[in-house]
Amino acid sequence: MLRNTFLHIPGIGPKTEALLWSAGIESWDDLDGRLATVLPPARARLVRQHLEPFLLSPPSPRQFAAELGAAHLWRLFPACRRRTAYLDIETTGLDRQAGQITTIGLFDGKGYRSYVHGRNLEKFVEDIAAFEMLVTYNGRLFDLPFLEHFFAKKFDQIHVDLRFVLHSLGIKGGLKNCERRLGLHRGPLDGVDGFDAVRLWHLFRRTGNPRALDTLLAYNLQDVATLETLMVTAFNRKLDGTPFAESQRLPTPPPPPPLPFAPDPAVLRAIGR
C-alpha cells in the first residue's frame, strides 16, 4: 500500500490520488509518460520530484508516517504488522491528571502480556520499545495521552486508532458495539465495561481476592484480543473500490489464543454483572 500512496506529495489529496489510480497510475512504478496526461505539467513535475528520493531509497514506515495524516496511517499496517502491539489500558478514572493506570493489556498477534500497578507496570516502557506500530480503540484521545502523562514519556510509534478508521467506514460506537456489528462475541465478559473495570480494581485492592484481579485482567485482555481482527477488517474495507484491492487484501487472522485469565462468576456477581 505504501507504493500505491500519493497523498504524501504536496497538493495531492484523496480525489487526485483516486484520479491517478483510475488512469492506471496505481503505484510509484507506473509514472512513465502517463502522468502528464492526467495532471497539469507543473504538478506532474512536482510528483516526479517528490517521488525520486522515495524510489532511490524507500523510507522506513515511521519516516513515511510523518508524511501522512493520522487518517491514512492504516495504510502502513502491512509493513509494520510483525512489529505491531494491540494495546488497551484500565484506569481508576477518566482524568489522567488524577487517575491511576491499574492494568495495561498487550497483544502482539501471537500472545498476551499484562502489566499491573504495584507489580510490573514499569516494565511496559521497556517492552513497548520493541514495537513499531500501536493499534488501539480510542487510544488517540485516552490511552496514549494517559500513558504519556503517567510515564512522563512520549511514545513515538506509529499509532492507528481504530475508532476513527472504523467510523470512516460507518462502523460507529464503542469497541464492544463494533465487535458485535462484525459478529464478534465476548462470552462471559459480555456486558462488562470500563466502569466495571474500576470496580474490579477496587474490589481487588480492598479484599486482596486474586480472582478479582484475574477477572480484571481477563477483561483488559479481551479488549485487545479482537483488535487484530478489527484492524485487518478495516484495512480490507478501506481497500474496497481501489483497483488493487484484491491483490493487497489481507487474509482474516486466525482466532486469538485463549485468554490466560478467566473471569470469575462470583466476582462478576459481586460487581452487579
C-alpha atoms as a PDB file:
ATOM      1  CA  MET A   1       0.000   0.000   0.000  1.00  0.00           C
ATOM      2  CA  LEU A   2       2.942   2.357   0.554  1.00  0.00           C
ATOM      3  CA  ARG A   3       3.934   2.340  -3.126  1.00  0.00           C
ATOM      4  CA  ASN A   4       0.306   2.945  -4.101  1.00  0.00           C
ATOM      5  CA  THR A   5       0.143   6.070  -1.963  1.00  0.00           C
ATOM      6  CA  PHE A   6       0.456   9.579  -3.383  1.00  0.00           C
ATOM      7  CA  LEU A   7      -1.068  11.548  -0.504  1.00  0.00           C
ATOM      8  CA  HIS A   8       2.354  12.423   0.920  1.00  0.00           C
ATOM      9  CA  ILE A   9       3.022  14.621  -2.114  1.00  0.00           C
ATOM     10  CA  PRO A  10       2.172  18.309  -1.558  1.00  0.00           C
ATOM     11  CA  GLY A  11      -1.007  19.227  -3.377  1.00  0.00           C
ATOM     12  CA  ILE A  12      -2.200  15.631  -3.856  1.00  0.00           C
ATOM     13  CA  GLY A  13      -5.391  14.807  -1.971  1.00  0.00           C
ATOM     14  CA  PRO A  14      -7.677  11.767  -1.998  1.00  0.00           C
ATOM     15  CA  LYS A  15      -9.547  12.884  -5.144  1.00  0.00           C
ATOM     16  CA  THR A  16      -6.379  13.412  -7.176  1.00  0.00           C
ATOM     17  CA  GLU A  17      -4.939  10.166  -5.867  1.00  0.00           C
ATOM     18  CA  ALA A  18      -8.091   8.323  -6.980  1.00  0.00           C
ATOM     19  CA  LEU A  19      -7.800  10.036 -10.373  1.00  0.00           C
ATOM     20  CA  LEU A  20      -4.238   8.732 -10.742  1.00  0.00           C
ATOM     21  CA  TRP A  21      -5.340   5.210  -9.831  1.00  0.00           C
ATOM     22  CA  SER A  22      -8.225   5.277 -12.312  1.00  0.00           C
ATOM     23  CA  ALA A  23      -5.806   6.390 -15.044  1.00  0.00           C
ATOM     24  CA  GLY A  24      -3.666   3.305 -14.455  1.00  0.00           C
ATOM     25  CA  ILE A  25      -1.065   5.028 -12.281  1.00  0.00           C
ATOM     26  CA  GLU A  26      -1.590   2.669  -9.394  1.00  0.00           C
ATOM     27  CA  SER A  27       1.890   2.846  -7.874  1.00  0.00           C
ATOM     28  CA  TRP A  28       5.141   4.760  -7.981  1.00  0.00           C
ATOM     29  CA  ASP A  29       6.335   2.345 -10.654  1.00  0.00           C
ATOM     30  CA  ASP A  30       3.596   3.390 -13.101  1.00  0.00           C
ATOM     31  CA  LEU A  31       4.563   7.015 -13.722  1.00  0.00           C
ATOM     32  CA  ASP A  32       6.114   6.544 -17.189  1.00  0.00           C
ATOM     33  CA  GLY A  33       4.671   9.041 -19.627  1.00  0.00           C
ATOM     34  CA  ARG A  34       1.118   8.735 -18.370  1.00  0.00           C
ATOM     35  CA  LEU A  35       1.482  11.255 -15.572  1.00  0.00           C
ATOM     36  CA  ALA A  36       1.482  14.210 -17.968  1.00  0.00           C
ATOM     37  CA  THR A  37      -1.807  13.024 -19.481  1.00  0.00           C
ATOM     38  CA  VAL A  38      -3.542  13.180 -16.086  1.00  0.00           C
ATOM     39  CA  LEU A  39      -2.019  16.185 -14.304  1.00  0.00           C
ATOM     40  CA  PRO A  40      -1.006  19.654 -15.456  1.00  0.00           C
ATOM     41  CA  PRO A  41       2.726  19.812 -16.350  1.00  0.00           C
ATOM     42  CA  ALA A  42       3.769  21.720 -13.224  1.00  0.00           C
ATOM     43  CA  ARG A  43       2.002  19.301 -10.893  1.00  0.00           C
ATOM     44  CA  ALA A  44       3.332  16.304 -12.818  1.00  0.00           C
ATOM     45  CA  ARG A  45       6.874  17.622 -12.324  1.00  0.00           C
ATOM     46  CA  LEU A  46       6.207  18.097  -8.611  1.00  0.00           C
ATOM     47  CA  VAL A  47       5.033  14.489  -8.288  1.00  0.00           C
ATOM     48  CA  ARG A  48       8.152  13.189 -10.041  1.00  0.00           C
ATOM     49  CA  GLN A  49      10.486  15.385  -7.986  1.00  0.00           C
ATOM     50  CA  HIS A  50       8.883  14.316  -4.719  1.00  0.00           C
ATOM     51  CA  LEU A  51       8.913  10.621  -5.582  1.00  0.00           C
ATOM     52  CA  GLU A  52      12.500  10.421  -6.853  1.00  0.00           C
ATOM     53  CA  PRO A  53      14.121  10.105  -3.411  1.00  0.00           C
ATOM     54  CA  PHE A  54      11.469   7.562  -2.352  1.00  0.00           C
ATOM     55  CA  LEU A  55      12.262   5.415  -5.391  1.00  0.00           C
ATOM     56  CA  LEU A  56      16.013   5.603  -4.788  1.00  0.00           C
ATOM     57  CA  SER A  57      15.841   4.959  -1.048  1.00  0.00           C
ATOM     58  CA  PRO A  58      12.451   3.826   0.287  1.00  0.00           C
ATOM     59  CA  PRO A  59      11.731   5.359   3.690  1.00  0.00           C
ATOM     60  CA  SER A  60      11.002   3.325   6.774  1.00  0.00           C
ATOM     61  CA  PRO A  61       7.334   3.143   7.752  1.00  0.00           C
ATOM     62  CA  ARG A  62       7.974   5.503  10.653  1.00  0.00           C
ATOM     63  CA  GLN A  63       9.586   8.067   8.333  1.00  0.00           C
ATOM     64  CA  PHE A  64       6.747   7.658   5.859  1.00  0.00           C
ATOM     65  CA  ALA A  65       4.185   8.138   8.629  1.00  0.00           C
ATOM     66  CA  ALA A  66       5.425  11.684   9.131  1.00  0.00           C
ATOM     67  CA  GLU A  67       4.337  12.434   5.546  1.00  0.00           C
ATOM     68  CA  LEU A  68       0.779  11.135   6.054  1.00  0.00           C
ATOM     69  CA  GLY A  69      -2.085  12.439   8.128  1.00  0.00           C
ATOM     70  CA  ALA A  70      -3.459  10.376  11.004  1.00  0.00           C
ATOM     71  CA  ALA A  71      -6.468   9.366   8.892  1.00  0.00           C
ATOM     72  CA  HIS A  72      -4.241   7.407   6.493  1.00  0.00           C
ATOM     73  CA  LEU A  73      -1.812   5.656   8.842  1.00  0.00           C
ATOM     74  CA  TRP A  74      -3.835   2.447   8.391  1.00  0.00           C
ATOM     75  CA  ARG A  75      -2.017   2.108   5.050  1.00  0.00           C
ATOM     76  CA  LEU A  76       1.202   1.303   6.901  1.00  0.00           C
ATOM     77  CA  PHE A  77      -0.226  -1.736   8.673  1.00  0.00           C
ATOM     78  CA  PRO A  78       1.101  -4.495   6.364  1.00  0.00           C
ATOM     79  CA  ALA A  79       4.610  -3.019   6.534  1.00  0.00           C
ATOM     80  CA  CYS A  80       4.504  -2.913  10.341  1.00  0.00           C
ATOM     81  CA  ARG A  81       2.370  -5.931  11.155  1.00  0.00           C
ATOM     82  CA  ARG A  82       5.159  -8.106  12.566  1.00  0.00           C
ATOM     83  CA  ARG A  83       6.048  -5.307  14.985  1.00  0.00           C
ATOM     84  CA  THR A  84       2.535  -4.199  15.948  1.00  0.00           C
ATOM     85  CA  ALA A  85       1.217  -4.094  19.508  1.00  0.00           C
ATOM     86  CA  TYR A  86      -2.522  -4.063  20.157  1.00  0.00           C
ATOM     87  CA  LEU A  87      -2.954  -2.046  23.303  1.00  0.00           C
ATOM     88  CA  ASP A  88      -5.526  -1.134  25.979  1.00  0.00           C
ATOM     89  CA  ILE A  89      -5.324   0.312  29.473  1.00  0.00           C
ATOM     90  CA  GLU A  90      -7.582   0.319  32.530  1.00  0.00           C
ATOM     91  CA  THR A  91      -7.541   3.202  34.972  1.00  0.00           C
ATOM     92  CA  THR A  92      -9.185   4.408  38.159  1.00  0.00           C
ATOM     93  CA  GLY A  93     -10.887   7.246  36.301  1.00  0.00           C
ATOM     94  CA  LEU A  94     -11.044   9.290  33.117  1.00  0.00           C
ATOM     95  CA  ASP A  95      -8.943  12.212  34.372  1.00  0.00           C
ATOM     96  CA  ARG A  96      -5.303  11.480  33.587  1.00  0.00           C
ATOM     97  CA  GLN A  97      -4.179  14.211  35.966  1.00  0.00           C
ATOM     98  CA  ALA A  98      -5.707  12.434  38.969  1.00  0.00           C
ATOM     99  CA  GLY A  99      -6.243   8.904  37.715  1.00  0.00           C
ATOM    100  CA  GLN A 100      -4.031   5.868  38.085  1.00  0.00           C
ATOM    101  CA  ILE A 101      -3.277   3.228  35.459  1.00  0.00           C
ATOM    102  CA  THR A 102      -4.240  -0.099  37.012  1.00  0.00           C
ATOM    103  CA  THR A 103      -3.509  -2.546  34.204  1.00  0.00           C
ATOM    104  CA  ILE A 104      -2.167  -2.493  30.651  1.00  0.00           C
ATOM    105  CA  GLY A 105      -3.017  -5.253  28.209  1.00  0.00           C
ATOM    106  CA  LEU A 106      -0.919  -6.005  25.145  1.00  0.00           C
ATOM    107  CA  PHE A 107      -1.392  -8.499  22.307  1.00  0.00           C
ATOM    108  CA  ASP A 108       1.302  -8.921  19.644  1.00  0.00           C
ATOM    109  CA  GLY A 109      -0.643 -11.162  17.287  1.00  0.00           C
ATOM    110  CA  LYS A 110       0.703 -14.289  18.979  1.00  0.00           C
ATOM    111  CA  GLY A 111       0.431 -13.892  22.725  1.00  0.00           C
ATOM    112  CA  TYR A 112      -0.629 -11.620  25.555  1.00  0.00           C
ATOM    113  CA  ARG A 113       1.197  -9.555  28.137  1.00  0.00           C
ATOM    114  CA  SER A 114      -0.319  -7.967  31.228  1.00  0.00           C
ATOM    115  CA  TYR A 115       1.131  -5.153  33.319  1.00  0.00           C
ATOM    116  CA  VAL A 116      -0.287  -4.471  36.774  1.00  0.00           C
ATOM    117  CA  HIS A 117       0.122  -1.466  39.054  1.00  0.00           C
ATOM    118  CA  GLY A 118       2.314  -2.360  42.011  1.00  0.00           C
ATOM    119  CA  ARG A 119       3.788  -5.379  40.233  1.00  0.00           C
ATOM    120  CA  ASN A 120       5.327  -4.878  36.810  1.00  0.00           C
ATOM    121  CA  LEU A 121       3.765  -1.742  35.337  1.00  0.00           C
ATOM    122  CA  GLU A 122       7.125  -0.053  34.761  1.00  0.00           C
ATOM    123  CA  LYS A 123       8.272  -2.902  32.515  1.00  0.00           C
ATOM    124  CA  PHE A 124       5.774  -1.740  29.913  1.00  0.00           C
ATOM    125  CA  VAL A 125       8.070   1.110  28.851  1.00  0.00           C
ATOM    126  CA  GLU A 126      10.916  -1.277  28.118  1.00  0.00           C
ATOM    127  CA  ASP A 127       8.733  -3.814  26.304  1.00  0.00           C
ATOM    128  CA  ILE A 128       6.795  -1.384  24.127  1.00  0.00           C
ATOM    129  CA  ALA A 129      10.024  -0.008  22.632  1.00  0.00           C
ATOM    130  CA  ALA A 130      10.306  -3.173  20.529  1.00  0.00           C
ATOM    131  CA  PHE A 131       7.171  -2.295  18.540  1.00  0.00           C
ATOM    132  CA  GLU A 132       6.879  -0.024  15.521  1.00  0.00           C
ATOM    133  CA  MET A 133       3.091   0.396  15.448  1.00  0.00           C
ATOM    134  CA  LEU A 134       0.443   0.659  18.163  1.00  0.00           C
ATOM    135  CA  VAL A 135      -3.175  -0.184  17.425  1.00  0.00           C
ATOM    136  CA  THR A 136      -5.835   0.959  19.891  1.00  0.00           C
ATOM    137  CA  TYR A 137      -9.518   1.761  20.060  1.00  0.00           C
ATOM    138  CA  ASN A 138      -9.960   5.401  21.155  1.00  0.00           C
ATOM    139  CA  GLY A 139      -6.292   5.483  22.133  1.00  0.00           C
ATOM    140  CA  ARG A 140      -5.701   8.841  20.486  1.00  0.00           C
ATOM    141  CA  LEU A 141      -7.999  10.525  22.994  1.00  0.00           C
ATOM    142  CA  PHE A 142      -7.487   8.285  26.032  1.00  0.00           C
ATOM    143  CA  ASP A 143      -4.875   5.519  26.204  1.00  0.00           C
ATOM    144  CA  LEU A 144      -1.870   7.282  24.648  1.00  0.00           C
ATOM    145  CA  PRO A 145      -2.300  10.641  26.454  1.00  0.00           C
ATOM    146  CA  PHE A 146      -2.839   8.758  29.738  1.00  0.00           C
ATOM    147  CA  LEU A 147       0.266   6.611  29.200  1.00  0.00           C
ATOM    148  CA  GLU A 148       2.426   9.568  28.223  1.00  0.00           C
ATOM    149  CA  HIS A 149       1.332  11.574  31.260  1.00  0.00           C
ATOM    150  CA  PHE A 150       1.740   8.653  33.642  1.00  0.00           C
ATOM    151  CA  PHE A 151       5.193   7.620  32.432  1.00  0.00           C
ATOM    152  CA  ALA A 152       6.282  11.206  31.574  1.00  0.00           C
ATOM    153  CA  LYS A 153       7.395   9.876  28.212  1.00  0.00           C
ATOM    154  CA  LYS A 154       6.471  10.398  24.578  1.00  0.00           C
ATOM    155  CA  PHE A 155       5.660   7.193  22.716  1.00  0.00           C
ATOM    156  CA  ASP A 156       6.658   7.856  19.116  1.00  0.00           C
ATOM    157  CA  GLN A 157       5.422   4.657  17.476  1.00  0.00           C
ATOM    158  CA  ILE A 158       3.041   4.876  14.528  1.00  0.00           C
ATOM    159  CA  HIS A 159      -0.398   4.886  16.109  1.00  0.00           C
ATOM    160  CA  VAL A 160      -3.576   3.687  14.410  1.00  0.00           C
ATOM    161  CA  ASP A 161      -6.745   4.458  16.359  1.00  0.00           C
ATOM    162  CA  LEU A 162      -9.400   2.071  15.088  1.00  0.00           C
ATOM    163  CA  ARG A 163     -12.191   4.186  16.466  1.00  0.00           C
ATOM    164  CA  PHE A 164     -11.647   6.724  13.686  1.00  0.00           C
ATOM    165  CA  VAL A 165     -10.816   4.205  10.954  1.00  0.00           C
ATOM    166  CA  LEU A 166     -13.977   2.198  11.652  1.00  0.00           C
ATOM    167  CA  HIS A 167     -16.034   5.380  11.985  1.00  0.00           C
ATOM    168  CA  SER A 168     -14.939   6.372   8.469  1.00  0.00           C
ATOM    169  CA  LEU A 169     -16.395   3.040   7.292  1.00  0.00           C
ATOM    170  CA  GLY A 170     -19.732   3.666   9.005  1.00  0.00           C
ATOM    171  CA  ILE A 171     -19.000   1.324  11.926  1.00  0.00           C
ATOM    172  CA  LYS A 172     -19.631   3.563  14.904  1.00  0.00           C
ATOM    173  CA  GLY A 173     -19.992   3.307  18.666  1.00  0.00           C
ATOM    174  CA  GLY A 174     -17.744   1.832  21.313  1.00  0.00           C
ATOM    175  CA  LEU A 175     -15.398  -1.100  20.840  1.00  0.00           C
ATOM    176  CA  LYS A 176     -17.956  -3.653  22.002  1.00  0.00           C
ATOM    177  CA  ASN A 177     -20.587  -2.343  19.611  1.00  0.00           C
ATOM    178  CA  CYS A 178     -18.119  -2.544  16.719  1.00  0.00           C
ATOM    179  CA  GLU A 179     -17.287  -6.122  17.697  1.00  0.00           C
ATOM    180  CA  ARG A 180     -20.976  -7.079  17.730  1.00  0.00           C
ATOM    181  CA  ARG A 181     -21.551  -5.490  14.329  1.00  0.00           C
ATOM    182  CA  LEU A 182     -18.727  -7.603  12.928  1.00  0.00           C
ATOM    183  CA  GLY A 183     -20.003 -10.793  14.560  1.00  0.00           C
ATOM    184  CA  LEU A 184     -17.504 -10.969  17.435  1.00  0.00           C
ATOM    185  CA  HIS A 185     -18.681 -12.040  20.894  1.00  0.00           C
ATOM    186  CA  ARG A 186     -17.208 -11.822  24.400  1.00  0.00           C
ATOM    187  CA  GLY A 187     -18.787 -14.813  26.114  1.00  0.00           C
ATOM    188  CA  PRO A 188     -18.955 -14.423  29.916  1.00  0.00           C
ATOM    189  CA  LEU A 189     -17.488 -10.921  29.683  1.00  0.00           C
ATOM    190  CA  ASP A 190     -20.366  -9.661  27.550  1.00  0.00           C
ATOM    191  CA  GLY A 191     -21.781  -6.538  29.166  1.00  0.00           C
ATOM    192  CA  VAL A 192     -18.745  -5.818  31.353  1.00  0.00           C
ATOM    193  CA  ASP A 193     -17.494  -2.280  30.729  1.00  0.00           C
ATOM    194  CA  GLY A 194     -14.831   0.219  31.791  1.00  0.00           C
ATOM    195  CA  PHE A 195     -16.724   1.266  34.903  1.00  0.00           C
ATOM    196  CA  ASP A 196     -16.830  -2.374  35.970  1.00  0.00           C
ATOM    197  CA  ALA A 197     -13.060  -2.489  35.468  1.00  0.00           C
ATOM    198  CA  VAL A 198     -12.721   0.288  38.059  1.00  0.00           C
ATOM    199  CA  ARG A 199     -14.952  -1.684  40.457  1.00  0.00           C
ATOM    200  CA  LEU A 200     -12.879  -4.830  39.902  1.00  0.00           C
ATOM    201  CA  TRP A 201      -9.675  -2.985  40.749  1.00  0.00           C
ATOM    202  CA  HIS A 202     -11.097  -1.512  43.942  1.00  0.00           C
ATOM    203  CA  LEU A 203     -12.510  -4.911  44.904  1.00  0.00           C
ATOM    204  CA  PHE A 204      -9.078  -6.474  44.435  1.00  0.00           C
ATOM    205  CA  ARG A 205      -7.332  -3.721  46.420  1.00  0.00           C
ATOM    206  CA  ARG A 206      -9.895  -3.895  49.210  1.00  0.00           C
ATOM    207  CA  THR A 207     -10.079  -7.669  49.586  1.00  0.00           C
ATOM    208  CA  GLY A 208      -6.877  -8.989  48.002  1.00  0.00           C
ATOM    209  CA  ASN A 209      -9.040 -11.529  46.161  1.00  0.00           C
ATOM    210  CA  PRO A 210      -6.877 -12.835  43.288  1.00  0.00           C
ATOM    211  CA  ARG A 211      -9.996 -13.825  41.373  1.00  0.00           C
ATOM    212  CA  ALA A 212     -10.990 -10.144  41.204  1.00  0.00           C
ATOM    213  CA  LEU A 213      -7.627  -9.334  39.616  1.00  0.00           C
ATOM    214  CA  ASP A 214      -7.910 -12.288  37.244  1.00  0.00           C
ATOM    215  CA  THR A 215     -11.333 -11.064  36.153  1.00  0.00           C
ATOM    216  CA  LEU A 216      -9.978  -7.568  35.572  1.00  0.00           C
ATOM    217  CA  LEU A 217      -7.025  -8.905  33.570  1.00  0.00           C
ATOM    218  CA  ALA A 218      -9.353 -11.108  31.521  1.00  0.00           C
ATOM    219  CA  TYR A 219     -11.499  -8.073  30.716  1.00  0.00           C
ATOM    220  CA  ASN A 220      -8.468  -5.943  29.857  1.00  0.00           C
ATOM    221  CA  LEU A 221      -7.003  -8.579  27.535  1.00  0.00           C
ATOM    222  CA  GLN A 222     -10.398  -9.174  25.932  1.00  0.00           C
ATOM    223  CA  ASP A 223     -10.216  -5.549  24.818  1.00  0.00           C
ATOM    224  CA  VAL A 224      -7.009  -6.239  22.876  1.00  0.00           C
ATOM    225  CA  ALA A 225      -7.793  -9.778  21.692  1.00  0.00           C
ATOM    226  CA  THR A 226     -10.077  -8.626  18.864  1.00  0.00           C
ATOM    227  CA  LEU A 227      -8.078  -5.609  17.701  1.00  0.00           C
ATOM    228  CA  GLU A 228      -6.035  -7.519  15.111  1.00  0.00           C
ATOM    229  CA  THR A 229      -9.211  -8.872  13.506  1.00  0.00           C
ATOM    230  CA  LEU A 230     -10.744  -5.389  13.547  1.00  0.00           C
ATOM    231  CA  MET A 231      -7.562  -3.907  12.064  1.00  0.00           C
ATOM    232  CA  VAL A 232      -7.461  -6.430   9.204  1.00  0.00           C
ATOM    233  CA  THR A 233     -11.183  -5.970   8.556  1.00  0.00           C
ATOM    234  CA  ALA A 234     -10.800  -2.186   8.468  1.00  0.00           C
ATOM    235  CA  PHE A 235      -7.749  -2.385   6.192  1.00  0.00           C
ATOM    236  CA  ASN A 236      -9.555  -4.607   3.695  1.00  0.00           C
ATOM    237  CA  ARG A 237     -12.675  -2.455   3.690  1.00  0.00           C
ATOM    238  CA  LYS A 238     -10.594   0.672   3.132  1.00  0.00           C
ATOM    239  CA  LEU A 239      -9.145  -1.029   0.049  1.00  0.00           C
ATOM    240  CA  ASP A 240     -12.612  -1.615  -1.409  1.00  0.00           C
ATOM    241  CA  GLY A 241     -13.037   0.402  -4.581  1.00  0.00           C
ATOM    242  CA  THR A 242      -9.319   0.686  -5.319  1.00  0.00           C
ATOM    243  CA  PRO A 243      -8.023  -1.067  -8.459  1.00  0.00           C
ATOM    244  CA  PHE A 244      -5.579  -3.134  -6.392  1.00  0.00           C
ATOM    245  CA  ALA A 245      -7.986  -4.268  -3.663  1.00  0.00           C
ATOM    246  CA  GLU A 246      -7.841  -7.977  -4.447  1.00  0.00           C
ATOM    247  CA  SER A 247      -4.067  -8.162  -4.787  1.00  0.00           C
ATOM    248  CA  GLN A 248      -3.468  -6.422  -1.446  1.00  0.00           C
ATOM    249  CA  ARG A 249      -6.334  -7.794   0.612  1.00  0.00           C
ATOM    250  CA  LEU A 250      -5.152  -9.400   3.862  1.00  0.00           C
ATOM    251  CA  PRO A 251      -6.442 -12.798   4.964  1.00  0.00           C
ATOM    252  CA  THR A 252      -8.564 -12.897   8.090  1.00  0.00           C
ATOM    253  CA  PRO A 253      -6.280 -13.723  11.025  1.00  0.00           C
ATOM    254  CA  PRO A 254      -6.870 -16.907  13.000  1.00  0.00           C
ATOM    255  CA  PRO A 255      -8.855 -16.596  16.226  1.00  0.00           C
ATOM    256  CA  PRO A 256      -6.730 -15.121  19.015  1.00  0.00           C
ATOM    257  CA  PRO A 257      -5.325 -17.585  21.546  1.00  0.00           C
ATOM    258  CA  PRO A 258      -7.363 -18.260  24.698  1.00  0.00           C
ATOM    259  CA  LEU A 259      -7.025 -15.637  27.395  1.00  0.00           C
ATOM    260  CA  PRO A 260      -4.533 -16.574  30.128  1.00  0.00           C
ATOM    261  CA  PHE A 261      -7.019 -15.376  32.759  1.00  0.00           C
ATOM    262  CA  ALA A 262     -10.652 -16.336  33.288  1.00  0.00           C
ATOM    263  CA  PRO A 263     -13.447 -14.164  34.675  1.00  0.00           C
ATOM    264  CA  ASP A 264     -14.871 -15.476  37.917  1.00  0.00           C
ATOM    265  CA  PRO A 265     -18.709 -15.693  38.007  1.00  0.00           C
ATOM    266  CA  ALA A 266     -18.874 -14.903  41.728  1.00  0.00           C
ATOM    267  CA  VAL A 267     -16.720 -11.818  41.253  1.00  0.00           C
ATOM    268  CA  LEU A 268     -18.901 -10.651  38.353  1.00  0.00           C
ATOM    269  CA  ARG A 269     -21.988 -11.075  40.531  1.00  0.00           C
ATOM    270  CA  ALA A 270     -20.283  -9.067  43.273  1.00  0.00           C
ATOM    271  CA  ILE A 271     -19.987  -6.078  40.953  1.00  0.00           C
ATOM    272  CA  GLY A 272     -23.541  -6.480  39.697  1.00  0.00           C
ATOM    273  CA  ARG A 273     -22.909  -8.442  36.494  1.00  0.00           C
END
